[in-house]
Amino acid sequence: MGQKLRLARTYNSFDGTGGLVAQRWWQEYERSLYRSENEVVLTGATGDILRFTEASDGSFTTPKGYAKDLKANTDGT
């Protein structure tokens, strides 16, 4: 009968910021992007934080040890 509903949360003792549940608690589906002047910060579902630095050509450098790419589209998204 359809897909099963799964709700999971993670406690991250290394990160002081909070998710929707409470400080240091993150729900499985929570993610956010924040763009500053020369970097984009991705907060993952476990509260992990990746910082992508912006190069002079507008591309983004992936943090060492990660295989994620970040790309700005021509429409600004």
C-alpha atoms as a PDB file:
ATOM      1  CA  MET A   1       0.000   0.000   0.000  1.00  0.00           C
ATOM      2  CA  GLY A   2       2.314   2.766  -1.177  1.00  0.00           C
ATOM      3  CA  GLN A   3       5.599   3.763   0.334  1.00  0.00           C
ATOM      4  CA  LYS A   4       6.389   3.416   4.012  1.00  0.00           C
ATOM      5  CA  LEU A   5       6.780   6.612   5.994  1.00  0.00           C
ATOM      6  CA  ARG A   6      10.134   6.932   7.702  1.00  0.00           C
ATOM      7  CA  LEU A   7      11.042   9.660  10.146  1.00  0.00           C
ATOM      8  CA  ALA A   8      14.562   9.615  11.488  1.00  0.00           C
ATOM      9  CA  ARG A   9      16.647  12.100  13.403  1.00  0.00           C
ATOM     10  CA  THR A  10      20.341  12.474  14.133  1.00  0.00           C
ATOM     11  CA  TYR A  11      22.106  14.037  17.099  1.00  0.00           C
ATOM     12  CA  ASN A  12      25.280  15.944  16.225  1.00  0.00           C
ATOM     13  CA  SER A  13      27.285  16.790  19.348  1.00  0.00           C
ATOM     14  CA  PHE A  14      29.930  18.640  17.299  1.00  0.00           C
ATOM     15  CA  ASP A  15      27.558  21.261  15.906  1.00  0.00           C
ATOM     16  CA  GLY A  16      25.884  23.825  18.128  1.00  0.00           C
ATOM     17  CA  THR A  17      23.313  24.961  15.596  1.00  0.00           C
ATOM     18  CA  GLY A  18      19.906  23.416  15.555  1.00  0.00           C
ATOM     19  CA  GLY A  19      17.599  21.808  13.113  1.00  0.00           C
ATOM     20  CA  LEU A  20      13.828  21.939  13.177  1.00  0.00           C
ATOM     21  CA  VAL A  21      13.554  19.546  16.135  1.00  0.00           C
ATOM     22  CA  ALA A  22      15.946  21.181  18.613  1.00  0.00           C
ATOM     23  CA  GLN A  23      19.523  22.313  19.064  1.00  0.00           C
ATOM     24  CA  ARG A  24      21.924  19.692  17.678  1.00  0.00           C
ATOM     25  CA  TRP A  25      19.062  17.477  16.483  1.00  0.00           C
ATOM     26  CA  TRP A  26      18.478  17.092  12.734  1.00  0.00           C
ATOM     27  CA  GLN A  27      15.701  15.333  10.868  1.00  0.00           C
ATOM     28  CA  GLU A  28      16.638  13.107   7.955  1.00  0.00           C
ATOM     29  CA  TYR A  29      15.109  15.404   5.332  1.00  0.00           C
ATOM     30  CA  GLU A  30      16.589  18.713   6.586  1.00  0.00           C
ATOM     31  CA  ARG A  31      19.086  20.464   4.356  1.00  0.00           C
ATOM     32  CA  SER A  32      19.880  24.112   3.737  1.00  0.00           C
ATOM     33  CA  LEU A  33      22.061  26.340   1.571  1.00  0.00           C
ATOM     34  CA  TYR A  34      23.365  29.725   2.630  1.00  0.00           C
ATOM     35  CA  ARG A  35      25.253  31.966   0.239  1.00  0.00           C
ATOM     36  CA  SER A  36      27.644  34.642   1.441  1.00  0.00           C
ATOM     37  CA  GLU A  37      29.919  36.887  -0.579  1.00  0.00           C
ATOM     38  CA  ASN A  38      32.487  34.265  -1.610  1.00  0.00           C
ATOM     39  CA  GLU A  39      31.167  30.902  -0.442  1.00  0.00           C
ATOM     40  CA  VAL A  40      28.105  28.686  -0.203  1.00  0.00           C
ATOM     41  CA  VAL A  41      27.495  26.715   2.982  1.00  0.00           C
ATOM     42  CA  LEU A  42      25.556  23.452   2.702  1.00  0.00           C
ATOM     43  CA  THR A  43      24.139  22.016   5.913  1.00  0.00           C
ATOM     44  CA  GLY A  44      23.275  18.345   5.456  1.00  0.00           C
ATOM     45  CA  ALA A  45      20.673  16.130   7.077  1.00  0.00           C
ATOM     46  CA  THR A  46      23.007  15.165   9.930  1.00  0.00           C
ATOM     47  CA  GLY A  47      24.079  18.737  10.679  1.00  0.00           C
ATOM     48  CA  ASP A  48      27.293  18.320   8.704  1.00  0.00           C
ATOM     49  CA  ILE A  49      28.549  21.537   7.125  1.00  0.00           C
ATOM     50  CA  LEU A  50      30.310  21.805   3.763  1.00  0.00           C
ATOM     51  CA  ARG A  51      31.804  25.098   2.603  1.00  0.00           C
ATOM     52  CA  PHE A  52      32.123  25.598  -1.148  1.00  0.00           C
ATOM     53  CA  THR A  53      34.402  28.536  -1.967  1.00  0.00           C
ATOM     54  CA  GLU A  54      33.687  30.566  -5.077  1.00  0.00           C
ATOM     55  CA  ALA A  55      36.462  31.000  -7.640  1.00  0.00           C
ATOM     56  CA  SER A  56      36.963  34.163  -9.689  1.00  0.00           C
ATOM     57  CA  ASP A  57      35.295  32.487 -12.696  1.00  0.00           C
ATOM     58  CA  GLY A  58      32.094  31.829 -10.695  1.00  0.00           C
ATOM     59  CA  SER A  59      32.695  28.091 -10.227  1.00  0.00           C
ATOM     60  CA  PHE A  60      32.779  26.499  -6.764  1.00  0.00           C
ATOM     61  CA  THR A  61      35.552  24.451  -5.177  1.00  0.00           C
ATOM     62  CA  THR A  62      34.383  21.261  -3.471  1.00  0.00           C
ATOM     63  CA  PRO A  63      35.799  20.719   0.043  1.00  0.00           C
ATOM     64  CA  LYS A  64      38.567  18.112   0.223  1.00  0.00           C
ATOM     65  CA  GLY A  65      37.324  14.618   0.984  1.00  0.00           C
ATOM     66  CA  TYR A  66      33.902  15.131  -0.623  1.00  0.00           C
ATOM     67  CA  ALA A  67      32.551  14.152  -4.028  1.00  0.00           C
ATOM     68  CA  LYS A  68      29.749  16.727  -4.243  1.00  0.00           C
ATOM     69  CA  ASP A  69      29.599  19.387  -6.922  1.00  0.00           C
ATOM     70  CA  LEU A  70      27.914  22.754  -6.668  1.00  0.00           C
ATOM     71  CA  LYS A  71      26.962  24.749  -9.729  1.00  0.00           C
ATOM     72  CA  ALA A  72      25.249  28.115 -10.172  1.00  0.00           C
ATOM     73  CA  ASN A  73      22.764  28.125 -13.052  1.00  0.00           C
ATOM     74  CA  THR A  74      22.546  31.030 -15.488  1.00  0.00           C
ATOM     75  CA  ASP A  75      19.104  31.947 -14.103  1.00  0.00           C
ATOM     76  CA  GLY A  76      20.609  32.492 -10.643  1.00  0.00           C
ATOM     77  CA  THR A  77      19.366  29.280  -9.069  1.00  0.00           C
END
